[in-house]
Amino acid sequence: MERNFAEEIDALKQHMKELKDALERRLPPGFDPEKLMKLTNGQRPNPSAGHVEKIVGMHPDDRVSGIMEELQDVCGESGNTGRITYMGVFSSGGRQSNWVKHSLNTDTLLPLIENRTAEKVLACVGSNDRLNMLLAILRKPRTVAELVSDCGYSSTGQVYHHLKPLLAADLVVEDKHQRGCYIVQPHRVQGLIMLLAGVADLVDGTYTQGRLE
């Protein structure tokens, strides 16, 4: 017995129509599946959490991707502009700093520009002399004499000139265990490292072209 392909195709079309009708009866009023398919190029749209479109599988490590999905959920449910998590360890010169910040609300960060706190902090460290001094002290505790030698100054007066604002801002402090030696304030280490991480992002040429001059 020969198969009637025309009848089979017609039957399949009828079955597809019935499935489509059944699906449309379950969809909310005004939902246009064809328009949705066009907007998403035929792909399934990303899930959402509130106002946040969730991007899943952003990292090959499932643990990291899990944290990202949690941040997206919390951000969407709370209505915040963003949530960030960062952590790290810095060990140098016999000293170590570890830090973890989880689900930090970016709404608490943006006002740092409006109230000029960001401006003051960047102005404090935004000189090459102070940055070089911070770098030297980050690597290991230094005396003023060592800073003169290692940073290329000609006198202790020059060191004190640049050291004074760093001390006043509580970025640098005299080591309690080594008199005359200066260290970066332990609870400020992560801030300096994360500031450098932010600078690295700003100058990353992977996705942009330009010069910060």
N, C-alpha and C. Protein backbone atom coordinates (compact mmCIF):
# COMPACT_ATOMS: atom_id res chain seq x y z
N MET A 1 0.85 -1.20 0.00
CA MET A 1 0.00 0.00 0.00
C MET A 1 0.88 1.25 0.00
N GLU A 2 0.62 2.12 -0.95
CA GLU A 2 1.42 3.32 -1.06
C GLU A 2 0.95 4.37 -0.05
N ARG A 3 1.95 5.11 0.49
CA ARG A 3 1.63 6.17 1.44
C ARG A 3 1.14 7.41 0.70
N ASN A 4 0.16 8.07 1.28
CA ASN A 4 -0.34 9.32 0.71
C ASN A 4 0.30 10.47 1.48
N PHE A 5 1.44 10.95 0.96
CA PHE A 5 2.20 11.98 1.67
C PHE A 5 1.42 13.29 1.78
N ALA A 6 0.60 13.57 0.77
CA ALA A 6 -0.19 14.80 0.80
C ALA A 6 -1.15 14.80 1.99
N GLU A 7 -1.79 13.66 2.22
CA GLU A 7 -2.71 13.55 3.34
C GLU A 7 -1.97 13.64 4.67
N GLU A 8 -0.79 13.01 4.74
CA GLU A 8 -0.01 13.05 5.97
C GLU A 8 0.43 14.47 6.30
N ILE A 9 0.83 15.21 5.25
CA ILE A 9 1.26 16.60 5.46
C ILE A 9 0.08 17.44 5.92
N ASP A 10 -1.09 17.24 5.30
CA ASP A 10 -2.28 17.99 5.71
C ASP A 10 -2.65 17.67 7.16
N ALA A 11 -2.54 16.41 7.52
CA ALA A 11 -2.87 16.01 8.89
C ALA A 11 -1.89 16.64 9.88
N LEU A 12 -0.60 16.68 9.48
CA LEU A 12 0.41 17.29 10.34
C LEU A 12 0.16 18.78 10.51
N LYS A 13 -0.22 19.46 9.43
CA LYS A 13 -0.53 20.88 9.50
C LYS A 13 -1.70 21.14 10.43
N GLN A 14 -2.72 20.27 10.32
CA GLN A 14 -3.89 20.42 11.17
C GLN A 14 -3.52 20.22 12.64
N HIS A 15 -2.65 19.26 12.89
CA HIS A 15 -2.20 18.99 14.26
C HIS A 15 -1.42 20.18 14.81
N MET A 16 -0.53 20.78 14.00
CA MET A 16 0.24 21.95 14.42
C MET A 16 -0.68 23.13 14.71
N LYS A 17 -1.74 23.29 13.87
CA LYS A 17 -2.68 24.38 14.09
C LYS A 17 -3.41 24.21 15.42
N GLU A 18 -3.81 22.97 15.71
CA GLU A 18 -4.50 22.70 16.97
C GLU A 18 -3.60 22.99 18.16
N LEU A 19 -2.32 22.62 18.05
CA LEU A 19 -1.37 22.90 19.12
C LEU A 19 -1.19 24.40 19.31
N LYS A 20 -1.08 25.13 18.19
CA LYS A 20 -0.92 26.58 18.26
C LYS A 20 -2.13 27.23 18.91
N ASP A 21 -3.32 26.79 18.51
CA ASP A 21 -4.55 27.35 19.09
C ASP A 21 -4.61 27.09 20.59
N ALA A 22 -4.24 25.87 20.96
CA ALA A 22 -4.27 25.52 22.38
C ALA A 22 -3.28 26.36 23.17
N LEU A 23 -2.10 26.62 22.60
CA LEU A 23 -1.09 27.44 23.27
C LEU A 23 -1.55 28.87 23.40
N GLU A 24 -2.15 29.41 22.32
CA GLU A 24 -2.58 30.81 22.35
C GLU A 24 -3.68 31.04 23.37
N ARG A 25 -4.50 30.02 23.61
CA ARG A 25 -5.56 30.16 24.62
C ARG A 25 -4.98 30.29 26.02
N ARG A 26 -3.76 29.80 26.20
CA ARG A 26 -3.11 29.86 27.52
C ARG A 26 -2.25 31.11 27.70
N LEU A 27 -2.00 31.86 26.61
CA LEU A 27 -1.15 33.05 26.68
C LEU A 27 -1.97 34.26 27.11
N PRO A 28 -1.29 35.27 27.72
CA PRO A 28 -2.01 36.48 28.14
C PRO A 28 -2.54 37.24 26.93
N PRO A 29 -3.64 38.04 27.09
CA PRO A 29 -4.22 38.81 25.99
C PRO A 29 -3.19 39.74 25.36
N GLY A 30 -3.19 39.82 24.05
CA GLY A 30 -2.29 40.73 23.35
C GLY A 30 -0.91 40.17 23.11
N PHE A 31 -0.63 38.97 23.62
CA PHE A 31 0.69 38.37 23.42
C PHE A 31 0.85 37.95 21.96
N ASP A 32 1.94 38.38 21.33
CA ASP A 32 2.18 38.10 19.92
C ASP A 32 3.43 37.24 19.79
N PRO A 33 3.30 35.92 19.68
CA PRO A 33 4.48 35.06 19.61
C PRO A 33 5.34 35.32 18.39
N GLU A 34 4.72 35.69 17.26
CA GLU A 34 5.50 35.95 16.05
C GLU A 34 6.38 37.18 16.23
N LYS A 35 5.83 38.23 16.86
CA LYS A 35 6.62 39.44 17.13
C LYS A 35 7.76 39.13 18.08
N LEU A 36 7.48 38.30 19.09
CA LEU A 36 8.52 37.92 20.05
C LEU A 36 9.65 37.17 19.35
N MET A 37 9.31 36.29 18.44
CA MET A 37 10.32 35.53 17.71
C MET A 37 11.19 36.45 16.86
N LYS A 38 10.57 37.49 16.27
CA LYS A 38 11.34 38.44 15.46
C LYS A 38 12.30 39.23 16.33
N LEU A 39 11.81 39.68 17.51
CA LEU A 39 12.65 40.48 18.40
C LEU A 39 13.83 39.70 18.94
N THR A 40 13.65 38.40 19.11
CA THR A 40 14.72 37.57 19.68
C THR A 40 15.45 36.75 18.62
N ASN A 41 15.21 37.09 17.33
CA ASN A 41 15.87 36.37 16.22
C ASN A 41 15.61 34.88 16.28
N GLY A 42 14.41 34.54 16.70
CA GLY A 42 14.05 33.13 16.73
C GLY A 42 14.57 32.39 17.94
N GLN A 43 15.24 33.09 18.86
CA GLN A 43 15.79 32.43 20.03
C GLN A 43 14.90 32.68 21.23
N ARG A 44 15.00 31.79 22.20
CA ARG A 44 14.24 31.96 23.43
C ARG A 44 14.76 33.19 24.18
N PRO A 45 13.88 34.11 24.60
CA PRO A 45 14.36 35.31 25.30
C PRO A 45 14.95 34.95 26.66
N ASN A 46 15.86 35.80 27.14
CA ASN A 46 16.44 35.59 28.45
C ASN A 46 15.38 35.80 29.52
N PRO A 47 15.46 35.04 30.61
CA PRO A 47 14.51 35.26 31.71
C PRO A 47 14.76 36.60 32.36
N SER A 48 13.80 37.09 33.10
CA SER A 48 13.91 38.39 33.75
C SER A 48 13.67 38.25 35.24
N ALA A 49 14.26 39.21 35.99
CA ALA A 49 13.99 39.36 37.41
C ALA A 49 13.68 40.84 37.62
N GLY A 50 12.42 41.16 37.73
CA GLY A 50 12.05 42.57 37.82
C GLY A 50 12.47 43.30 36.56
N HIS A 51 13.22 44.39 36.73
CA HIS A 51 13.67 45.18 35.57
C HIS A 51 14.97 44.65 34.97
N VAL A 52 15.50 43.56 35.52
CA VAL A 52 16.80 43.03 35.10
C VAL A 52 16.61 41.85 34.15
N GLU A 53 17.23 41.94 32.98
CA GLU A 53 17.28 40.80 32.08
C GLU A 53 18.40 39.88 32.54
N LYS A 54 18.08 38.66 32.86
CA LYS A 54 19.08 37.74 33.41
C LYS A 54 19.90 37.12 32.28
N ILE A 55 21.21 37.26 32.39
CA ILE A 55 22.14 36.62 31.47
C ILE A 55 22.73 35.42 32.21
N VAL A 56 22.45 34.25 31.73
CA VAL A 56 22.87 33.04 32.44
C VAL A 56 24.13 32.46 31.81
N GLY A 57 24.87 31.70 32.61
CA GLY A 57 26.06 31.01 32.10
C GLY A 57 27.16 31.95 31.65
N MET A 58 27.36 33.06 32.37
CA MET A 58 28.35 34.04 31.94
C MET A 58 29.79 33.59 32.22
N HIS A 59 29.97 32.63 33.08
CA HIS A 59 31.31 32.20 33.46
C HIS A 59 31.39 30.68 33.39
N PRO A 60 32.54 30.14 32.95
CA PRO A 60 32.65 28.67 32.86
C PRO A 60 32.57 27.96 34.20
N ASP A 61 32.87 28.67 35.28
CA ASP A 61 32.76 28.09 36.62
C ASP A 61 31.33 28.27 37.11
N ASP A 62 30.63 27.17 37.36
CA ASP A 62 29.23 27.23 37.78
C ASP A 62 29.06 28.01 39.08
N ARG A 63 30.07 27.98 39.95
CA ARG A 63 29.96 28.70 41.21
C ARG A 63 29.90 30.21 40.97
N VAL A 64 30.72 30.69 40.04
CA VAL A 64 30.73 32.12 39.71
C VAL A 64 29.43 32.50 39.01
N SER A 65 29.00 31.66 38.06
CA SER A 65 27.73 31.93 37.36
C SER A 65 26.56 31.95 38.35
N GLY A 66 26.64 31.10 39.37
CA GLY A 66 25.59 31.08 40.37
C GLY A 66 25.52 32.38 41.16
N ILE A 67 26.68 32.94 41.49
CA ILE A 67 26.71 34.21 42.20
C ILE A 67 26.14 35.32 41.32
N MET A 68 26.49 35.30 40.02
CA MET A 68 25.97 36.30 39.10
C MET A 68 24.45 36.22 39.02
N GLU A 69 23.91 35.01 38.91
CA GLU A 69 22.46 34.86 38.84
C GLU A 69 21.79 35.36 40.12
N GLU A 70 22.44 35.11 41.26
CA GLU A 70 21.90 35.61 42.53
C GLU A 70 21.88 37.13 42.55
N LEU A 71 22.95 37.76 42.07
CA LEU A 71 23.02 39.21 42.03
C LEU A 71 21.92 39.78 41.14
N GLN A 72 21.68 39.13 40.00
CA GLN A 72 20.64 39.60 39.09
C GLN A 72 19.26 39.48 39.74
N ASP A 73 19.04 38.39 40.46
CA ASP A 73 17.76 38.19 41.14
C ASP A 73 17.54 39.27 42.21
N VAL A 74 18.56 39.49 43.05
CA VAL A 74 18.44 40.46 44.14
C VAL A 74 18.25 41.86 43.57
N CYS A 75 19.00 42.19 42.52
CA CYS A 75 18.89 43.51 41.91
C CYS A 75 17.49 43.72 41.35
N GLY A 76 16.97 42.71 40.65
CA GLY A 76 15.65 42.84 40.06
C GLY A 76 14.55 42.91 41.10
N GLU A 77 14.67 42.11 42.15
CA GLU A 77 13.63 42.09 43.18
C GLU A 77 13.62 43.35 44.02
N SER A 78 14.81 43.94 44.23
CA SER A 78 14.91 45.13 45.08
C SER A 78 14.69 46.42 44.29
N GLY A 79 14.83 46.35 42.97
CA GLY A 79 14.69 47.55 42.16
C GLY A 79 15.92 48.44 42.17
N ASN A 80 17.05 47.93 42.69
CA ASN A 80 18.29 48.71 42.70
C ASN A 80 18.85 48.90 41.30
N THR A 81 19.76 49.86 41.15
CA THR A 81 20.43 50.02 39.86
C THR A 81 21.40 48.89 39.61
N GLY A 82 21.93 48.29 40.66
CA GLY A 82 22.87 47.20 40.47
C GLY A 82 23.30 46.57 41.77
N ARG A 83 23.90 45.41 41.67
CA ARG A 83 24.49 44.71 42.81
C ARG A 83 25.82 44.14 42.36
N ILE A 84 26.85 44.27 43.17
CA ILE A 84 28.17 43.75 42.80
C ILE A 84 28.76 42.95 43.94
N THR A 85 29.58 41.99 43.57
CA THR A 85 30.31 41.18 44.54
C THR A 85 31.77 41.15 44.12
N TYR A 86 32.66 41.36 45.06
CA TYR A 86 34.09 41.25 44.75
C TYR A 86 34.83 40.73 45.97
N MET A 87 35.94 40.09 45.69
CA MET A 87 36.74 39.51 46.76
C MET A 87 38.18 39.40 46.28
N GLY A 88 39.10 39.24 47.21
CA GLY A 88 40.48 39.10 46.79
C GLY A 88 41.43 38.90 47.96
N VAL A 89 42.68 38.69 47.61
CA VAL A 89 43.74 38.57 48.59
C VAL A 89 44.96 39.28 48.03
N PHE A 90 45.66 40.01 48.88
CA PHE A 90 46.89 40.68 48.49
C PHE A 90 47.93 40.39 49.56
N SER A 91 49.05 39.79 49.17
CA SER A 91 50.09 39.43 50.12
C SER A 91 51.43 39.91 49.60
N SER A 92 52.06 40.80 50.35
CA SER A 92 53.34 41.35 49.92
C SER A 92 54.07 41.93 51.12
N GLY A 93 55.39 41.77 51.12
CA GLY A 93 56.20 42.35 52.18
C GLY A 93 55.89 41.82 53.56
N GLY A 94 55.46 40.55 53.63
CA GLY A 94 55.17 39.96 54.93
C GLY A 94 53.81 40.34 55.48
N ARG A 95 52.99 41.00 54.68
CA ARG A 95 51.65 41.40 55.13
C ARG A 95 50.61 40.88 54.15
N GLN A 96 49.44 40.60 54.68
CA GLN A 96 48.38 40.06 53.83
C GLN A 96 47.05 40.71 54.16
N SER A 97 46.27 40.94 53.10
CA SER A 97 44.93 41.48 53.26
C SER A 97 43.96 40.62 52.45
N ASN A 98 42.88 40.18 53.07
CA ASN A 98 41.81 39.43 52.40
C ASN A 98 40.51 40.21 52.54
N TRP A 99 39.69 40.20 51.50
CA TRP A 99 38.43 40.93 51.60
C TRP A 99 37.34 40.25 50.78
N VAL A 100 36.10 40.41 51.25
CA VAL A 100 34.92 39.92 50.54
C VAL A 100 33.82 40.95 50.70
N LYS A 101 33.29 41.41 49.60
CA LYS A 101 32.10 42.26 49.61
C LYS A 101 31.07 41.56 48.73
N HIS A 102 29.92 41.25 49.31
CA HIS A 102 28.92 40.50 48.56
C HIS A 102 27.62 41.28 48.45
N SER A 103 27.09 41.33 47.23
CA SER A 103 25.79 41.96 46.95
C SER A 103 25.76 43.41 47.42
N LEU A 104 26.81 44.15 47.10
CA LEU A 104 26.86 45.57 47.44
C LEU A 104 25.92 46.35 46.53
N ASN A 105 25.06 47.14 47.11
CA ASN A 105 24.07 47.92 46.38
C ASN A 105 24.75 49.11 45.70
N THR A 106 24.70 49.17 44.36
CA THR A 106 25.37 50.27 43.65
C THR A 106 24.69 51.61 43.89
N ASP A 107 23.45 51.59 44.40
CA ASP A 107 22.79 52.86 44.74
C ASP A 107 23.54 53.59 45.85
N THR A 108 24.34 52.86 46.64
CA THR A 108 25.13 53.49 47.70
C THR A 108 26.45 54.02 47.16
N LEU A 109 26.82 53.64 45.94
CA LEU A 109 28.09 54.07 45.36
C LEU A 109 27.94 55.33 44.52
N LEU A 110 26.86 55.42 43.76
CA LEU A 110 26.69 56.55 42.84
C LEU A 110 26.71 57.91 43.55
N PRO A 111 26.15 58.05 44.75
CA PRO A 111 26.20 59.35 45.44
C PRO A 111 27.61 59.81 45.80
N LEU A 112 28.60 58.89 45.75
CA LEU A 112 29.98 59.30 46.06
C LEU A 112 30.49 60.32 45.05
N ILE A 113 29.88 60.34 43.87
CA ILE A 113 30.22 61.38 42.89
C ILE A 113 29.48 62.66 43.24
N GLU A 114 28.21 62.54 43.55
CA GLU A 114 27.39 63.73 43.83
C GLU A 114 27.87 64.49 45.06
N ASN A 115 28.30 63.77 46.10
CA ASN A 115 28.76 64.47 47.30
C ASN A 115 30.26 64.78 47.28
N ARG A 116 30.89 64.53 46.13
CA ARG A 116 32.28 64.89 45.84
C ARG A 116 33.31 64.06 46.63
N THR A 117 32.85 62.97 47.25
CA THR A 117 33.79 62.09 47.93
C THR A 117 34.76 61.46 46.94
N ALA A 118 34.26 61.02 45.80
CA ALA A 118 35.12 60.42 44.78
C ALA A 118 36.17 61.41 44.30
N GLU A 119 35.74 62.63 44.12
CA GLU A 119 36.68 63.68 43.67
C GLU A 119 37.81 63.87 44.69
N LYS A 120 37.46 63.91 45.96
CA LYS A 120 38.46 64.13 47.01
C LYS A 120 39.45 62.96 47.09
N VAL A 121 38.92 61.74 47.02
CA VAL A 121 39.80 60.57 47.09
C VAL A 121 40.74 60.52 45.90
N LEU A 122 40.19 60.73 44.71
CA LEU A 122 41.02 60.67 43.50
C LEU A 122 42.04 61.80 43.49
N ALA A 123 41.67 62.96 44.01
CA ALA A 123 42.62 64.08 44.08
C ALA A 123 43.75 63.77 45.05
N CYS A 124 43.42 63.04 46.14
CA CYS A 124 44.43 62.71 47.15
C CYS A 124 45.49 61.78 46.58
N VAL A 125 45.07 60.78 45.79
CA VAL A 125 46.02 59.80 45.28
C VAL A 125 46.42 60.09 43.83
N GLY A 126 45.80 61.10 43.25
CA GLY A 126 45.98 61.32 41.82
C GLY A 126 47.21 62.10 41.42
N SER A 127 48.31 61.85 42.08
CA SER A 127 49.57 62.43 41.64
C SER A 127 50.57 61.29 41.49
N ASN A 128 51.43 61.39 40.51
CA ASN A 128 52.37 60.31 40.24
C ASN A 128 53.29 60.06 41.43
N ASP A 129 53.68 61.14 42.11
CA ASP A 129 54.56 60.98 43.28
C ASP A 129 53.87 60.18 44.38
N ARG A 130 52.62 60.52 44.67
CA ARG A 130 51.91 59.83 45.74
C ARG A 130 51.62 58.38 45.35
N LEU A 131 51.28 58.17 44.09
CA LEU A 131 51.01 56.81 43.63
C LEU A 131 52.26 55.94 43.70
N ASN A 132 53.39 56.49 43.31
CA ASN A 132 54.64 55.74 43.40
C ASN A 132 55.00 55.42 44.85
N MET A 133 54.70 56.38 45.73
CA MET A 133 54.97 56.17 47.15
C MET A 133 54.05 55.09 47.71
N LEU A 134 52.77 55.14 47.34
CA LEU A 134 51.83 54.10 47.77
C LEU A 134 52.25 52.73 47.25
N LEU A 135 52.71 52.69 46.00
CA LEU A 135 53.15 51.42 45.42
C LEU A 135 54.33 50.85 46.20
N ALA A 136 55.28 51.69 46.53
CA ALA A 136 56.45 51.24 47.28
C ALA A 136 56.05 50.70 48.64
N ILE A 137 55.13 51.41 49.32
CA ILE A 137 54.72 51.00 50.66
C ILE A 137 53.81 49.77 50.61
N LEU A 138 53.05 49.64 49.52
CA LEU A 138 52.22 48.44 49.36
C LEU A 138 53.09 47.19 49.27
N ARG A 139 54.21 47.34 48.56
CA ARG A 139 55.08 46.17 48.36
C ARG A 139 55.75 45.73 49.64
N LYS A 140 56.12 46.70 50.49
CA LYS A 140 56.67 46.36 51.80
C LYS A 140 56.78 47.63 52.62
N PRO A 141 56.77 47.53 53.95
CA PRO A 141 56.91 48.72 54.80
C PRO A 141 58.21 49.46 54.47
N ARG A 142 58.16 50.78 54.50
CA ARG A 142 59.33 51.60 54.14
C ARG A 142 59.55 52.69 55.17
N THR A 143 60.81 52.98 55.40
CA THR A 143 61.18 54.15 56.18
C THR A 143 61.26 55.34 55.24
N VAL A 144 61.34 56.53 55.81
CA VAL A 144 61.47 57.73 54.98
C VAL A 144 62.76 57.67 54.17
N ALA A 145 63.82 57.19 54.79
CA ALA A 145 65.10 57.08 54.08
C ALA A 145 64.98 56.13 52.89
N GLU A 146 64.25 55.03 53.09
CA GLU A 146 64.07 54.08 52.00
C GLU A 146 63.21 54.68 50.88
N LEU A 147 62.22 55.49 51.26
CA LEU A 147 61.39 56.14 50.25
C LEU A 147 62.20 57.14 49.44
N VAL A 148 63.12 57.83 50.10
CA VAL A 148 64.00 58.76 49.38
C VAL A 148 64.78 58.00 48.32
N SER A 149 65.34 56.86 48.72
CA SER A 149 66.17 56.08 47.82
C SER A 149 65.35 55.36 46.74
N ASP A 150 64.30 54.69 47.19
CA ASP A 150 63.55 53.83 46.27
C ASP A 150 62.66 54.60 45.30
N CYS A 151 62.21 55.78 45.70
CA CYS A 151 61.31 56.57 44.85
C CYS A 151 62.04 57.67 44.09
N GLY A 152 63.35 57.75 44.29
CA GLY A 152 64.14 58.70 43.50
C GLY A 152 64.08 60.14 43.95
N TYR A 153 63.85 60.37 45.26
CA TYR A 153 63.84 61.74 45.76
C TYR A 153 65.25 62.16 46.17
N SER A 154 65.43 63.44 46.33
CA SER A 154 66.75 63.96 46.70
C SER A 154 66.84 64.35 48.17
N SER A 155 65.69 64.39 48.86
CA SER A 155 65.71 64.79 50.27
C SER A 155 64.51 64.21 51.00
N THR A 156 64.62 64.13 52.32
CA THR A 156 63.50 63.65 53.14
C THR A 156 62.34 64.65 53.09
N GLY A 157 62.67 65.92 52.87
CA GLY A 157 61.63 66.95 52.79
C GLY A 157 60.64 66.66 51.66
N GLN A 158 61.16 66.18 50.53
CA GLN A 158 60.28 65.84 49.41
C GLN A 158 59.36 64.69 49.77
N VAL A 159 59.90 63.70 50.49
CA VAL A 159 59.09 62.56 50.91
C VAL A 159 57.98 63.01 51.85
N TYR A 160 58.33 63.81 52.85
CA TYR A 160 57.32 64.27 53.80
C TYR A 160 56.25 65.12 53.11
N HIS A 161 56.64 65.85 52.09
CA HIS A 161 55.68 66.69 51.35
C HIS A 161 54.57 65.84 50.74
N HIS A 162 54.94 64.69 50.18
CA HIS A 162 53.94 63.82 49.55
C HIS A 162 53.33 62.83 50.54
N LEU A 163 54.07 62.54 51.61
CA LEU A 163 53.58 61.60 52.61
C LEU A 163 52.49 62.23 53.49
N LYS A 164 52.60 63.54 53.72
CA LYS A 164 51.67 64.23 54.62
C LYS A 164 50.20 64.05 54.22
N PRO A 165 49.80 64.29 52.97
CA PRO A 165 48.38 64.10 52.62
C PRO A 165 47.92 62.65 52.70
N LEU A 166 48.83 61.72 52.48
CA LEU A 166 48.48 60.30 52.58
C LEU A 166 48.23 59.92 54.04
N LEU A 167 49.01 60.52 54.95
CA LEU A 167 48.80 60.30 56.38
C LEU A 167 47.50 60.96 56.83
N ALA A 168 47.25 62.17 56.34
CA ALA A 168 46.05 62.91 56.72
C ALA A 168 44.78 62.19 56.25
N ALA A 169 44.87 61.51 55.11
CA ALA A 169 43.71 60.78 54.56
C ALA A 169 43.58 59.39 55.16
N ASP A 170 44.47 59.04 56.09
CA ASP A 170 44.46 57.72 56.73
C ASP A 170 44.69 56.59 55.74
N LEU A 171 45.40 56.88 54.66
CA LEU A 171 45.79 55.84 53.72
C LEU A 171 47.08 55.17 54.15
N VAL A 172 47.95 55.95 54.76
CA VAL A 172 49.24 55.47 55.23
C VAL A 172 49.35 55.76 56.72
N VAL A 173 50.00 54.87 57.46
CA VAL A 173 50.16 55.04 58.89
C VAL A 173 51.51 54.48 59.31
N GLU A 174 52.04 54.98 60.42
CA GLU A 174 53.29 54.43 60.93
C GLU A 174 53.02 53.06 61.54
N ASP A 175 53.89 52.11 61.22
CA ASP A 175 53.73 50.75 61.71
C ASP A 175 53.95 50.70 63.23
N LYS A 176 52.99 50.11 63.94
CA LYS A 176 53.11 50.02 65.40
C LYS A 176 54.25 49.10 65.82
N HIS A 177 54.61 48.16 64.97
CA HIS A 177 55.62 47.17 65.31
C HIS A 177 57.01 47.52 64.79
N GLN A 178 57.09 48.48 63.89
CA GLN A 178 58.37 48.91 63.35
C GLN A 178 58.41 50.43 63.34
N ARG A 179 58.91 50.97 64.38
CA ARG A 179 58.92 52.43 64.52
C ARG A 179 59.71 53.06 63.37
N GLY A 180 59.14 54.11 62.80
CA GLY A 180 59.80 54.80 61.69
C GLY A 180 59.49 54.20 60.33
N CYS A 181 58.72 53.07 60.32
CA CYS A 181 58.32 52.43 59.07
C CYS A 181 56.87 52.77 58.79
N TYR A 182 56.58 52.98 57.52
CA TYR A 182 55.22 53.32 57.12
C TYR A 182 54.59 52.19 56.32
N ILE A 183 53.30 51.96 56.59
CA ILE A 183 52.55 50.92 55.90
C ILE A 183 51.24 51.53 55.37
N VAL A 184 50.65 50.86 54.42
CA VAL A 184 49.30 51.24 54.00
C VAL A 184 48.35 50.74 55.08
N GLN A 185 47.44 51.61 55.50
CA GLN A 185 46.47 51.23 56.52
C GLN A 185 45.80 49.92 56.10
N PRO A 186 45.84 48.87 56.94
CA PRO A 186 45.37 47.54 56.53
C PRO A 186 43.98 47.53 55.90
N HIS A 187 43.04 48.29 56.47
CA HIS A 187 41.69 48.26 55.92
C HIS A 187 41.53 49.12 54.67
N ARG A 188 42.65 49.74 54.21
CA ARG A 188 42.61 50.52 52.96
C ARG A 188 43.23 49.75 51.78
N VAL A 189 43.89 48.64 52.10
CA VAL A 189 44.60 47.91 51.03
C VAL A 189 43.64 47.49 49.92
N GLN A 190 42.51 46.88 50.31
CA GLN A 190 41.60 46.40 49.28
C GLN A 190 41.05 47.53 48.42
N GLY A 191 40.86 48.70 49.03
CA GLY A 191 40.36 49.84 48.26
C GLY A 191 41.34 50.26 47.18
N LEU A 192 42.62 50.26 47.52
CA LEU A 192 43.65 50.64 46.54
C LEU A 192 43.76 49.60 45.43
N ILE A 193 43.72 48.32 45.82
CA ILE A 193 43.81 47.27 44.81
C ILE A 193 42.59 47.30 43.89
N MET A 194 41.40 47.50 44.46
CA MET A 194 40.19 47.56 43.64
C MET A 194 40.16 48.81 42.77
N LEU A 195 40.77 49.89 43.26
CA LEU A 195 40.89 51.10 42.44
C LEU A 195 41.74 50.82 41.21
N LEU A 196 42.84 50.08 41.40
CA LEU A 196 43.68 49.71 40.27
C LEU A 196 42.95 48.76 39.33
N ALA A 197 42.12 47.87 39.90
CA ALA A 197 41.32 46.98 39.06
C ALA A 197 40.35 47.79 38.20
N GLY A 198 39.78 48.84 38.79
CA GLY A 198 38.88 49.71 38.03
C GLY A 198 39.62 50.45 36.93
N VAL A 199 40.84 50.90 37.23
CA VAL A 199 41.65 51.58 36.21
C VAL A 199 41.95 50.61 35.06
N ALA A 200 42.27 49.37 35.40
CA ALA A 200 42.55 48.37 34.37
C ALA A 200 41.34 48.17 33.46
N ASP A 201 40.12 48.19 34.04
CA ASP A 201 38.91 48.08 33.22
C ASP A 201 38.75 49.29 32.31
N LEU A 202 39.06 50.47 32.85
CA LEU A 202 38.89 51.70 32.08
C LEU A 202 39.82 51.78 30.88
N VAL A 203 41.00 51.20 30.99
CA VAL A 203 41.97 51.29 29.89
C VAL A 203 42.01 50.01 29.06
N ASP A 204 41.14 49.05 29.37
CA ASP A 204 41.09 47.80 28.61
C ASP A 204 40.63 48.10 27.19
N GLY A 205 41.46 47.78 26.22
CA GLY A 205 41.14 48.08 24.83
C GLY A 205 40.40 46.98 24.10
N THR A 206 39.92 45.96 24.83
CA THR A 206 39.26 44.83 24.19
C THR A 206 38.01 45.26 23.44
N TYR A 207 37.23 46.15 24.06
CA TYR A 207 35.93 46.51 23.49
C TYR A 207 35.85 47.96 23.01
N THR A 208 36.93 48.68 23.11
CA THR A 208 36.85 50.09 22.73
C THR A 208 38.20 50.56 22.21
N GLN A 209 38.18 51.72 21.62
CA GLN A 209 39.40 52.35 21.16
C GLN A 209 39.39 53.79 21.64
N GLY A 210 40.54 54.27 22.03
CA GLY A 210 40.61 55.64 22.52
C GLY A 210 41.84 55.82 23.39
N ARG A 211 42.06 57.05 23.80
CA ARG A 211 43.22 57.37 24.63
C ARG A 211 42.78 58.29 25.75
N LEU A 212 43.18 57.93 26.98
CA LEU A 212 42.86 58.75 28.14
C LEU A 212 43.98 59.77 28.32
N GLU A 213 43.80 60.89 27.69
CA GLU A 213 44.82 61.96 27.78
C GLU A 213 44.13 63.29 28.01
